[in-house]
């Protein structure tokens, strides 16, 4: 997976984990990763979660509330 931070592509390292994948990268001194897991529902597809320093960044977008 390509990761872009402030308009610049950053180096990543991907790995397979239970139920999906994790794409690791750094922003300055912050260790980050995107976890991609299957929703199990074809219409929804993958669910992506962003973690920075092992803490999940929770979306405030109400459009995902019905999922």
C-alpha atoms as a PDB file:
ATOM      1  CA  UNK A   1       0.000   0.000   0.000  1.00  0.00           C
ATOM      2  CA  UNK A   2       1.300   3.478  -0.831  1.00  0.00           C
ATOM      3  CA  UNK A   3       1.202   5.993   2.024  1.00  0.00           C
ATOM      4  CA  UNK A   4       1.365   9.732   1.387  1.00  0.00           C
ATOM      5  CA  UNK A   5       2.071  12.279   4.152  1.00  0.00           C
ATOM      6  CA  UNK A   6       1.680  15.979   3.388  1.00  0.00           C
ATOM      7  CA  UNK A   7       1.888  15.297  -0.345  1.00  0.00           C
ATOM      8  CA  UNK A   8       5.017  13.120  -0.137  1.00  0.00           C
ATOM      9  CA  UNK A   9       5.195   9.351  -0.522  1.00  0.00           C
ATOM     10  CA  UNK A  10       6.859   7.723   2.499  1.00  0.00           C
ATOM     11  CA  UNK A  11       8.716   4.424   2.839  1.00  0.00           C
ATOM     12  CA  UNK A  12       6.545   1.583   4.099  1.00  0.00           C
ATOM     13  CA  UNK A  13       6.891  -2.009   5.267  1.00  0.00           C
ATOM     14  CA  UNK A  14       3.924  -4.328   4.873  1.00  0.00           C
ATOM     15  CA  UNK A  15       3.207  -7.498   6.790  1.00  0.00           C
ATOM     16  CA  UNK A  16       0.447 -10.074   6.922  1.00  0.00           C
ATOM     17  CA  UNK A  17      -1.239 -10.394  10.309  1.00  0.00           C
ATOM     18  CA  UNK A  18      -4.206 -12.367  11.581  1.00  0.00           C
ATOM     19  CA  UNK A  19      -7.312 -11.260   9.638  1.00  0.00           C
ATOM     20  CA  UNK A  20      -5.514  -8.768   7.369  1.00  0.00           C
ATOM     21  CA  UNK A  21      -2.418  -6.679   6.768  1.00  0.00           C
ATOM     22  CA  UNK A  22      -0.483  -3.882   8.454  1.00  0.00           C
ATOM     23  CA  UNK A  23       1.463  -1.226   6.567  1.00  0.00           C
ATOM     24  CA  UNK A  24       4.101   0.381   8.815  1.00  0.00           C
ATOM     25  CA  UNK A  25       5.670   3.814   8.301  1.00  0.00           C
ATOM     26  CA  UNK A  26       7.015   6.777  10.256  1.00  0.00           C
ATOM     27  CA  UNK A  27       6.053  10.434  10.481  1.00  0.00           C
ATOM     28  CA  UNK A  28       9.019  12.163  12.066  1.00  0.00           C
ATOM     29  CA  UNK A  29       9.634  10.263  15.312  1.00  0.00           C
ATOM     30  CA  UNK A  30       6.106   8.807  15.358  1.00  0.00           C
ATOM     31  CA  UNK A  31       5.690   5.114  14.558  1.00  0.00           C
ATOM     32  CA  UNK A  32       2.521   4.534  12.537  1.00  0.00           C
ATOM     33  CA  UNK A  33       0.650   1.792  10.734  1.00  0.00           C
ATOM     34  CA  UNK A  34      -2.529   1.233   8.769  1.00  0.00           C
ATOM     35  CA  UNK A  35      -4.360  -1.978   9.585  1.00  0.00           C
ATOM     36  CA  UNK A  36      -6.581  -3.374   6.816  1.00  0.00           C
ATOM     37  CA  UNK A  37      -9.091  -6.099   7.676  1.00  0.00           C
ATOM     38  CA  UNK A  38     -11.994  -7.609   5.791  1.00  0.00           C
ATOM     39  CA  UNK A  39     -15.448  -6.539   6.919  1.00  0.00           C
ATOM     40  CA  UNK A  40     -16.776  -9.917   5.860  1.00  0.00           C
ATOM     41  CA  UNK A  41     -19.378  -8.095   3.776  1.00  0.00           C
ATOM     42  CA  UNK A  42     -18.875  -7.635   0.049  1.00  0.00           C
ATOM     43  CA  UNK A  43     -20.691  -4.263  -0.091  1.00  0.00           C
ATOM     44  CA  UNK A  44     -18.510  -2.793   2.663  1.00  0.00           C
ATOM     45  CA  UNK A  45     -15.146  -4.307   1.662  1.00  0.00           C
ATOM     46  CA  UNK A  46     -12.056  -3.586   3.733  1.00  0.00           C
ATOM     47  CA  UNK A  47     -11.956  -1.659   6.990  1.00  0.00           C
ATOM     48  CA  UNK A  48      -8.907   0.564   7.480  1.00  0.00           C
ATOM     49  CA  UNK A  49      -7.638   1.730  10.868  1.00  0.00           C
ATOM     50  CA  UNK A  50      -4.803   4.225  11.470  1.00  0.00           C
ATOM     51  CA  UNK A  51      -2.554   3.809  14.508  1.00  0.00           C
ATOM     52  CA  UNK A  52       0.035   6.353  15.662  1.00  0.00           C
ATOM     53  CA  UNK A  53       2.353   5.308  18.498  1.00  0.00           C
ATOM     54  CA  UNK A  54       0.080   2.270  19.088  1.00  0.00           C
ATOM     55  CA  UNK A  55      -3.030   4.447  19.615  1.00  0.00           C
ATOM     56  CA  UNK A  56      -5.894   4.232  17.131  1.00  0.00           C
ATOM     57  CA  UNK A  57      -6.891   7.494  15.461  1.00  0.00           C
ATOM     58  CA  UNK A  58     -10.687   7.516  15.596  1.00  0.00           C
ATOM     59  CA  UNK A  59     -12.582   9.117  12.721  1.00  0.00           C
ATOM     60  CA  UNK A  60     -15.065  11.880  13.482  1.00  0.00           C
ATOM     61  CA  UNK A  61     -16.827  11.456  10.135  1.00  0.00           C
ATOM     62  CA  UNK A  62     -20.482  10.636  10.811  1.00  0.00           C
ATOM     63  CA  UNK A  63     -20.886   9.014   7.380  1.00  0.00           C
ATOM     64  CA  UNK A  64     -19.444   5.749   8.768  1.00  0.00           C
ATOM     65  CA  UNK A  65     -21.849   5.648  11.724  1.00  0.00           C
ATOM     66  CA  UNK A  66     -24.308   3.388   9.889  1.00  0.00           C
ATOM     67  CA  UNK A  67     -21.679   0.710   9.192  1.00  0.00           C
END
